[in-house]
């Protein structure tokens, strides 16, 4: 990621945070719409907690862009844990699509090509590290 992309992600993340839990609700609604196979991985009673975890992890990823050496082990651990939850590599594509769709909706007029590319780069980094760790855990 470039310094400019990191700056864009930090700036737009503050805007996303201002939307609160609605962003996480929008994300999961979209995820379940585009990939119904992930729905059984969640129970209705844990969704409020799951939405909090999503926002915390996204916040940690954004904050960690300035220090990837600290972020990578956190993402690796998360990737290994997700294997136990039943997450497959295919799910990462659905999550990425739902995330970018959600950010576009949430940011509205602030969403543009540069913002899209910056967030796509963040998600690509996160997904790659998590998938690699999941593969290692499964091997």
N, C-alpha and C. Protein backbone atom coordinates (compact mmCIF):
# COMPACT_ATOMS: atom_id res chain seq x y z
N UNK A 1 0.84 -1.19 0.00
CA UNK A 1 0.00 0.00 0.00
C UNK A 1 0.88 1.24 0.00
N UNK A 2 0.40 2.26 -0.67
CA UNK A 2 1.14 3.51 -0.71
C UNK A 2 0.76 4.38 0.49
N UNK A 3 1.62 5.32 0.83
CA UNK A 3 1.27 6.26 1.91
C UNK A 3 -0.03 7.01 1.62
N UNK A 4 -0.26 7.33 0.37
CA UNK A 4 -1.50 8.02 -0.01
C UNK A 4 -2.72 7.13 0.25
N UNK A 5 -2.61 5.85 -0.08
CA UNK A 5 -3.72 4.93 0.17
C UNK A 5 -3.98 4.79 1.67
N UNK A 6 -2.93 4.72 2.46
CA UNK A 6 -3.10 4.62 3.91
C UNK A 6 -3.80 5.86 4.44
N UNK A 7 -3.42 7.02 3.94
CA UNK A 7 -4.07 8.27 4.35
C UNK A 7 -5.56 8.27 3.98
N UNK A 8 -5.86 7.82 2.78
CA UNK A 8 -7.25 7.75 2.33
C UNK A 8 -8.06 6.82 3.22
N UNK A 9 -7.51 5.66 3.52
CA UNK A 9 -8.22 4.68 4.35
C UNK A 9 -8.45 5.24 5.75
N UNK A 10 -7.43 5.87 6.32
CA UNK A 10 -7.60 6.46 7.66
C UNK A 10 -8.69 7.52 7.66
N UNK A 11 -8.67 8.40 6.67
CA UNK A 11 -9.66 9.47 6.60
C UNK A 11 -11.07 8.92 6.43
N UNK A 12 -11.23 7.99 5.52
CA UNK A 12 -12.58 7.47 5.26
C UNK A 12 -13.04 6.56 6.39
N UNK A 13 -12.12 5.90 7.09
CA UNK A 13 -12.51 5.07 8.22
C UNK A 13 -13.17 5.91 9.30
N UNK A 14 -12.67 7.11 9.53
CA UNK A 14 -13.29 8.01 10.51
C UNK A 14 -14.73 8.32 10.11
N UNK A 15 -14.97 8.48 8.82
CA UNK A 15 -16.32 8.73 8.33
C UNK A 15 -17.21 7.50 8.55
N UNK A 16 -16.66 6.34 8.30
CA UNK A 16 -17.41 5.10 8.48
C UNK A 16 -17.77 4.91 9.95
N UNK A 17 -16.83 5.16 10.84
CA UNK A 17 -17.08 5.01 12.27
C UNK A 17 -18.24 5.88 12.76
N UNK A 18 -18.37 7.03 12.15
CA UNK A 18 -19.45 7.94 12.53
C UNK A 18 -20.82 7.34 12.26
N UNK A 19 -20.89 6.36 11.37
CA UNK A 19 -22.16 5.71 11.03
C UNK A 19 -22.54 4.63 12.04
N UNK A 20 -21.60 4.23 12.86
CA UNK A 20 -21.88 3.28 13.94
C UNK A 20 -22.26 1.89 13.46
N UNK A 21 -23.11 1.25 14.24
CA UNK A 21 -23.50 -0.14 14.02
C UNK A 21 -24.23 -0.35 12.70
N UNK A 22 -24.79 0.71 12.14
CA UNK A 22 -25.52 0.57 10.88
C UNK A 22 -24.62 0.05 9.77
N UNK A 23 -23.35 0.41 9.80
CA UNK A 23 -22.41 -0.07 8.79
C UNK A 23 -22.26 -1.58 8.89
N UNK A 24 -22.10 -2.07 10.10
CA UNK A 24 -21.93 -3.51 10.29
C UNK A 24 -23.20 -4.26 9.91
N UNK A 25 -24.36 -3.70 10.24
CA UNK A 25 -25.62 -4.33 9.83
C UNK A 25 -25.71 -4.41 8.32
N UNK A 26 -25.38 -3.32 7.66
CA UNK A 26 -25.41 -3.27 6.20
C UNK A 26 -24.47 -4.32 5.61
N UNK A 27 -23.28 -4.42 6.19
CA UNK A 27 -22.29 -5.39 5.73
C UNK A 27 -22.84 -6.82 5.81
N UNK A 28 -23.34 -7.20 6.97
CA UNK A 28 -23.81 -8.58 7.12
C UNK A 28 -25.05 -8.85 6.28
N UNK A 29 -25.93 -7.89 6.14
CA UNK A 29 -27.09 -8.08 5.26
C UNK A 29 -26.62 -8.35 3.83
N UNK A 30 -25.64 -7.58 3.38
CA UNK A 30 -25.12 -7.75 2.03
C UNK A 30 -24.37 -9.09 1.89
N UNK A 31 -23.57 -9.42 2.89
CA UNK A 31 -22.84 -10.68 2.84
C UNK A 31 -23.79 -11.86 2.73
N UNK A 32 -24.84 -11.88 3.53
CA UNK A 32 -25.79 -12.99 3.51
C UNK A 32 -26.58 -13.01 2.21
N UNK A 33 -26.76 -11.84 1.60
CA UNK A 33 -27.46 -11.77 0.33
C UNK A 33 -26.62 -12.35 -0.80
N UNK A 34 -25.33 -12.00 -0.85
CA UNK A 34 -24.51 -12.45 -1.97
C UNK A 34 -23.92 -13.84 -1.75
N UNK A 35 -23.86 -14.28 -0.49
CA UNK A 35 -23.31 -15.61 -0.21
C UNK A 35 -24.11 -16.27 0.92
N UNK A 36 -25.29 -16.78 0.60
CA UNK A 36 -26.13 -17.40 1.63
C UNK A 36 -25.45 -18.56 2.36
N UNK A 37 -24.41 -19.14 1.76
CA UNK A 37 -23.71 -20.26 2.38
C UNK A 37 -23.01 -19.85 3.67
N UNK A 38 -22.74 -18.57 3.87
CA UNK A 38 -22.07 -18.15 5.10
C UNK A 38 -23.05 -17.95 6.25
N UNK A 39 -24.32 -17.82 5.94
CA UNK A 39 -25.32 -17.53 6.98
C UNK A 39 -25.30 -18.55 8.12
N UNK A 40 -25.18 -19.85 7.85
CA UNK A 40 -25.16 -20.83 8.94
C UNK A 40 -23.94 -20.72 9.87
N UNK A 41 -22.93 -19.96 9.46
CA UNK A 41 -21.77 -19.77 10.32
C UNK A 41 -22.07 -18.82 11.49
N UNK A 42 -23.22 -18.18 11.43
CA UNK A 42 -23.60 -17.19 12.44
C UNK A 42 -24.96 -17.57 13.03
N UNK A 43 -25.14 -17.24 14.30
CA UNK A 43 -26.46 -17.40 14.91
C UNK A 43 -27.04 -16.02 15.16
N UNK A 44 -28.35 -15.94 15.09
CA UNK A 44 -29.02 -14.65 15.25
C UNK A 44 -28.69 -14.00 16.58
N UNK A 45 -28.53 -14.80 17.62
CA UNK A 45 -28.29 -14.20 18.94
C UNK A 45 -26.88 -13.67 19.12
N UNK A 46 -25.94 -14.05 18.23
CA UNK A 46 -24.58 -13.52 18.38
C UNK A 46 -24.28 -12.37 17.42
N UNK A 47 -25.24 -11.96 16.61
CA UNK A 47 -24.98 -10.92 15.61
C UNK A 47 -24.60 -9.57 16.21
N UNK A 48 -25.22 -9.11 17.28
CA UNK A 48 -24.75 -7.84 17.84
C UNK A 48 -23.28 -7.89 18.24
N UNK A 49 -22.87 -8.98 18.86
CA UNK A 49 -21.47 -9.13 19.25
C UNK A 49 -20.58 -9.28 18.01
N UNK A 50 -21.05 -9.99 17.03
CA UNK A 50 -20.29 -10.18 15.79
C UNK A 50 -20.08 -8.84 15.09
N UNK A 51 -21.10 -7.99 15.08
CA UNK A 51 -20.96 -6.67 14.46
C UNK A 51 -19.90 -5.83 15.18
N UNK A 52 -19.88 -5.92 16.50
CA UNK A 52 -18.85 -5.21 17.27
C UNK A 52 -17.46 -5.72 16.91
N UNK A 53 -17.33 -7.04 16.82
CA UNK A 53 -16.04 -7.64 16.48
C UNK A 53 -15.58 -7.20 15.09
N UNK A 54 -16.50 -7.14 14.15
CA UNK A 54 -16.17 -6.70 12.80
C UNK A 54 -15.60 -5.29 12.83
N UNK A 55 -16.28 -4.39 13.50
CA UNK A 55 -15.84 -3.00 13.54
C UNK A 55 -14.50 -2.87 14.28
N UNK A 56 -14.32 -3.63 15.34
CA UNK A 56 -13.04 -3.59 16.06
C UNK A 56 -11.90 -4.11 15.19
N UNK A 57 -12.15 -5.19 14.47
CA UNK A 57 -11.10 -5.76 13.63
C UNK A 57 -10.78 -4.83 12.46
N UNK A 58 -11.79 -4.24 11.86
CA UNK A 58 -11.53 -3.29 10.79
C UNK A 58 -10.73 -2.10 11.31
N UNK A 59 -11.10 -1.63 12.48
CA UNK A 59 -10.36 -0.53 13.09
C UNK A 59 -8.92 -0.90 13.38
N UNK A 60 -8.70 -2.12 13.86
CA UNK A 60 -7.34 -2.58 14.13
C UNK A 60 -6.54 -2.69 12.83
N UNK A 61 -7.19 -3.16 11.78
CA UNK A 61 -6.50 -3.28 10.49
C UNK A 61 -6.11 -1.89 9.97
N UNK A 62 -7.02 -0.95 10.07
CA UNK A 62 -6.72 0.41 9.61
C UNK A 62 -5.58 1.00 10.44
N UNK A 63 -5.67 0.87 11.74
CA UNK A 63 -4.62 1.41 12.61
C UNK A 63 -3.28 0.71 12.36
N UNK A 64 -3.33 -0.56 12.02
CA UNK A 64 -2.12 -1.34 11.82
C UNK A 64 -1.42 -1.11 10.50
N UNK A 65 -2.04 -0.37 9.61
CA UNK A 65 -1.41 -0.13 8.31
C UNK A 65 -0.09 0.62 8.44
N UNK A 66 0.05 1.36 9.51
CA UNK A 66 1.30 2.10 9.76
C UNK A 66 2.38 1.19 10.34
N UNK A 67 2.00 0.02 10.85
CA UNK A 67 2.95 -0.90 11.48
C UNK A 67 2.57 -2.34 11.13
N UNK A 68 2.89 -2.73 9.91
CA UNK A 68 2.49 -4.06 9.44
C UNK A 68 3.14 -5.18 10.24
N UNK A 69 4.31 -4.95 10.80
CA UNK A 69 4.97 -5.99 11.60
C UNK A 69 4.13 -6.36 12.82
N UNK A 70 3.38 -5.42 13.34
CA UNK A 70 2.50 -5.70 14.47
C UNK A 70 1.16 -6.25 14.00
N UNK A 71 0.69 -5.80 12.85
CA UNK A 71 -0.62 -6.21 12.34
C UNK A 71 -0.62 -7.65 11.83
N UNK A 72 0.41 -8.04 11.12
CA UNK A 72 0.44 -9.36 10.48
C UNK A 72 0.20 -10.51 11.46
N UNK A 73 0.86 -10.57 12.61
CA UNK A 73 0.58 -11.68 13.53
C UNK A 73 -0.87 -11.72 14.02
N UNK A 74 -1.48 -10.55 14.18
CA UNK A 74 -2.89 -10.49 14.58
C UNK A 74 -3.76 -11.10 13.49
N UNK A 75 -3.48 -10.73 12.25
CA UNK A 75 -4.25 -11.27 11.12
C UNK A 75 -4.01 -12.76 10.94
N UNK A 76 -2.78 -13.19 11.15
CA UNK A 76 -2.49 -14.63 11.05
C UNK A 76 -3.29 -15.42 12.08
N UNK A 77 -3.32 -14.93 13.30
CA UNK A 77 -4.09 -15.60 14.34
C UNK A 77 -5.57 -15.64 13.97
N UNK A 78 -6.07 -14.54 13.46
CA UNK A 78 -7.47 -14.47 13.04
C UNK A 78 -7.76 -15.48 11.93
N UNK A 79 -6.85 -15.57 10.97
CA UNK A 79 -7.02 -16.53 9.88
C UNK A 79 -7.05 -17.97 10.37
N UNK A 80 -6.16 -18.29 11.32
CA UNK A 80 -6.15 -19.65 11.88
C UNK A 80 -7.46 -19.93 12.64
N UNK A 81 -7.93 -18.97 13.41
CA UNK A 81 -9.18 -19.17 14.15
C UNK A 81 -10.37 -19.34 13.23
N UNK A 82 -10.37 -18.64 12.10
CA UNK A 82 -11.51 -18.73 11.19
C UNK A 82 -11.64 -20.11 10.55
N UNK A 83 -10.55 -20.85 10.47
CA UNK A 83 -10.63 -22.22 9.97
C UNK A 83 -11.58 -23.01 10.86
N UNK A 84 -11.44 -22.85 12.15
CA UNK A 84 -12.28 -23.56 13.11
C UNK A 84 -13.75 -23.14 13.06
N UNK A 85 -14.01 -21.96 12.53
CA UNK A 85 -15.40 -21.49 12.40
C UNK A 85 -16.06 -22.00 11.14
N UNK A 86 -15.27 -22.64 10.26
CA UNK A 86 -15.82 -23.15 9.02
C UNK A 86 -15.63 -22.23 7.83
N UNK A 87 -14.82 -21.21 7.98
CA UNK A 87 -14.58 -20.27 6.89
C UNK A 87 -13.67 -20.91 5.85
N UNK A 88 -14.05 -20.77 4.59
CA UNK A 88 -13.26 -21.30 3.49
C UNK A 88 -12.65 -20.14 2.70
N UNK A 89 -11.72 -20.47 1.82
CA UNK A 89 -11.09 -19.43 1.00
C UNK A 89 -12.12 -18.70 0.14
N UNK A 90 -13.12 -19.40 -0.35
CA UNK A 90 -14.15 -18.76 -1.17
C UNK A 90 -14.90 -17.68 -0.40
N UNK A 91 -15.05 -17.87 0.89
CA UNK A 91 -15.77 -16.88 1.70
C UNK A 91 -15.07 -15.52 1.69
N UNK A 92 -13.75 -15.52 1.55
CA UNK A 92 -13.01 -14.26 1.55
C UNK A 92 -13.42 -13.37 0.37
N UNK A 93 -13.72 -13.98 -0.77
CA UNK A 93 -14.18 -13.18 -1.91
C UNK A 93 -15.52 -12.52 -1.60
N UNK A 94 -16.41 -13.28 -0.99
CA UNK A 94 -17.73 -12.72 -0.64
C UNK A 94 -17.60 -11.61 0.39
N UNK A 95 -16.75 -11.82 1.37
CA UNK A 95 -16.54 -10.81 2.40
C UNK A 95 -15.97 -9.54 1.79
N UNK A 96 -15.00 -9.68 0.91
CA UNK A 96 -14.42 -8.52 0.26
C UNK A 96 -15.44 -7.75 -0.56
N UNK A 97 -16.25 -8.47 -1.32
CA UNK A 97 -17.28 -7.82 -2.12
C UNK A 97 -18.29 -7.10 -1.23
N UNK A 98 -18.70 -7.76 -0.15
CA UNK A 98 -19.66 -7.13 0.77
C UNK A 98 -19.05 -5.91 1.46
N UNK A 99 -17.79 -6.00 1.82
CA UNK A 99 -17.13 -4.87 2.48
C UNK A 99 -17.05 -3.67 1.55
N UNK A 100 -16.57 -3.86 0.34
CA UNK A 100 -16.45 -2.73 -0.57
C UNK A 100 -17.81 -2.14 -0.92
N UNK A 101 -18.80 -2.98 -1.10
CA UNK A 101 -20.16 -2.51 -1.36
C UNK A 101 -20.67 -1.67 -0.19
N UNK A 102 -20.44 -2.16 1.02
CA UNK A 102 -20.88 -1.46 2.22
C UNK A 102 -20.18 -0.11 2.36
N UNK A 103 -18.88 -0.10 2.15
CA UNK A 103 -18.14 1.16 2.25
C UNK A 103 -18.62 2.16 1.20
N UNK A 104 -18.88 1.69 0.01
CA UNK A 104 -19.39 2.59 -1.03
C UNK A 104 -20.71 3.20 -0.62
N UNK A 105 -21.60 2.38 -0.07
CA UNK A 105 -22.90 2.91 0.37
C UNK A 105 -22.72 3.86 1.55
N UNK A 106 -21.89 3.47 2.49
CA UNK A 106 -21.71 4.29 3.69
C UNK A 106 -21.02 5.61 3.44
N UNK A 107 -20.07 5.62 2.52
CA UNK A 107 -19.32 6.84 2.26
C UNK A 107 -20.00 7.76 1.25
N UNK A 108 -20.93 7.22 0.50
CA UNK A 108 -21.69 8.05 -0.43
C UNK A 108 -20.81 8.84 -1.38
N UNK A 109 -20.96 10.17 -1.36
CA UNK A 109 -20.22 11.02 -2.29
C UNK A 109 -18.71 11.00 -2.06
N UNK A 110 -18.27 10.58 -0.89
CA UNK A 110 -16.84 10.50 -0.60
C UNK A 110 -16.19 9.31 -1.30
N UNK A 111 -17.01 8.38 -1.81
CA UNK A 111 -16.49 7.19 -2.49
C UNK A 111 -16.09 7.57 -3.91
N UNK A 112 -14.87 7.27 -4.28
CA UNK A 112 -14.39 7.51 -5.63
C UNK A 112 -13.38 6.42 -5.99
N UNK A 113 -12.77 6.52 -7.14
CA UNK A 113 -11.85 5.48 -7.60
C UNK A 113 -10.65 5.31 -6.65
N UNK A 114 -10.11 6.43 -6.17
CA UNK A 114 -8.97 6.35 -5.25
C UNK A 114 -9.34 5.66 -3.95
N UNK A 115 -10.52 5.99 -3.42
CA UNK A 115 -10.99 5.37 -2.18
C UNK A 115 -11.23 3.88 -2.41
N UNK A 116 -11.86 3.56 -3.51
CA UNK A 116 -12.12 2.16 -3.85
C UNK A 116 -10.82 1.37 -3.94
N UNK A 117 -9.83 1.91 -4.64
CA UNK A 117 -8.55 1.21 -4.79
C UNK A 117 -7.83 1.07 -3.45
N UNK A 118 -7.91 2.10 -2.61
CA UNK A 118 -7.24 2.04 -1.31
C UNK A 118 -7.86 0.97 -0.43
N UNK A 119 -9.17 0.94 -0.36
CA UNK A 119 -9.85 -0.06 0.47
C UNK A 119 -9.68 -1.47 -0.12
N UNK A 120 -9.68 -1.58 -1.43
CA UNK A 120 -9.44 -2.90 -2.05
C UNK A 120 -8.04 -3.39 -1.69
N UNK A 121 -7.07 -2.49 -1.64
CA UNK A 121 -5.71 -2.87 -1.27
C UNK A 121 -5.65 -3.33 0.19
N UNK A 122 -6.37 -2.64 1.07
CA UNK A 122 -6.41 -3.06 2.47
C UNK A 122 -7.00 -4.45 2.58
N UNK A 123 -8.14 -4.65 1.94
CA UNK A 123 -8.77 -5.96 2.05
C UNK A 123 -7.90 -7.05 1.44
N UNK A 124 -7.26 -6.76 0.32
CA UNK A 124 -6.39 -7.76 -0.30
C UNK A 124 -5.27 -8.16 0.65
N UNK A 125 -4.70 -7.20 1.33
CA UNK A 125 -3.64 -7.48 2.31
C UNK A 125 -4.17 -8.35 3.44
N UNK A 126 -5.28 -7.94 4.02
CA UNK A 126 -5.88 -8.67 5.14
C UNK A 126 -6.22 -10.10 4.72
N UNK A 127 -6.89 -10.23 3.59
CA UNK A 127 -7.32 -11.56 3.13
C UNK A 127 -6.12 -12.45 2.82
N UNK A 128 -5.12 -11.90 2.18
CA UNK A 128 -3.94 -12.71 1.83
C UNK A 128 -3.26 -13.26 3.08
N UNK A 129 -3.06 -12.42 4.07
CA UNK A 129 -2.40 -12.87 5.30
C UNK A 129 -3.26 -13.92 6.01
N UNK A 130 -4.56 -13.66 6.10
CA UNK A 130 -5.44 -14.61 6.78
C UNK A 130 -5.52 -15.94 6.04
N UNK A 131 -5.63 -15.89 4.73
CA UNK A 131 -5.72 -17.13 3.94
C UNK A 131 -4.43 -17.93 4.06
N UNK A 132 -3.30 -17.27 3.96
CA UNK A 132 -2.02 -17.99 4.10
C UNK A 132 -1.91 -18.67 5.46
N UNK A 133 -2.33 -17.99 6.52
CA UNK A 133 -2.29 -18.57 7.86
C UNK A 133 -3.26 -19.73 7.97
N UNK A 134 -4.43 -19.59 7.35
CA UNK A 134 -5.42 -20.67 7.37
C UNK A 134 -4.89 -21.90 6.64
N UNK A 135 -4.24 -21.69 5.53
CA UNK A 135 -3.65 -22.82 4.78
C UNK A 135 -2.61 -23.54 5.63
N UNK A 136 -1.76 -22.75 6.29
CA UNK A 136 -0.73 -23.34 7.16
C UNK A 136 -1.37 -24.14 8.29
N UNK A 137 -2.44 -23.61 8.86
CA UNK A 137 -3.12 -24.28 9.96
C UNK A 137 -3.77 -25.58 9.51
N UNK A 138 -4.28 -25.58 8.29
CA UNK A 138 -4.96 -26.77 7.78
C UNK A 138 -3.97 -27.83 7.33
N UNK A 139 -2.75 -27.42 7.03
CA UNK A 139 -1.74 -28.38 6.52
C UNK A 139 -1.18 -29.27 7.59
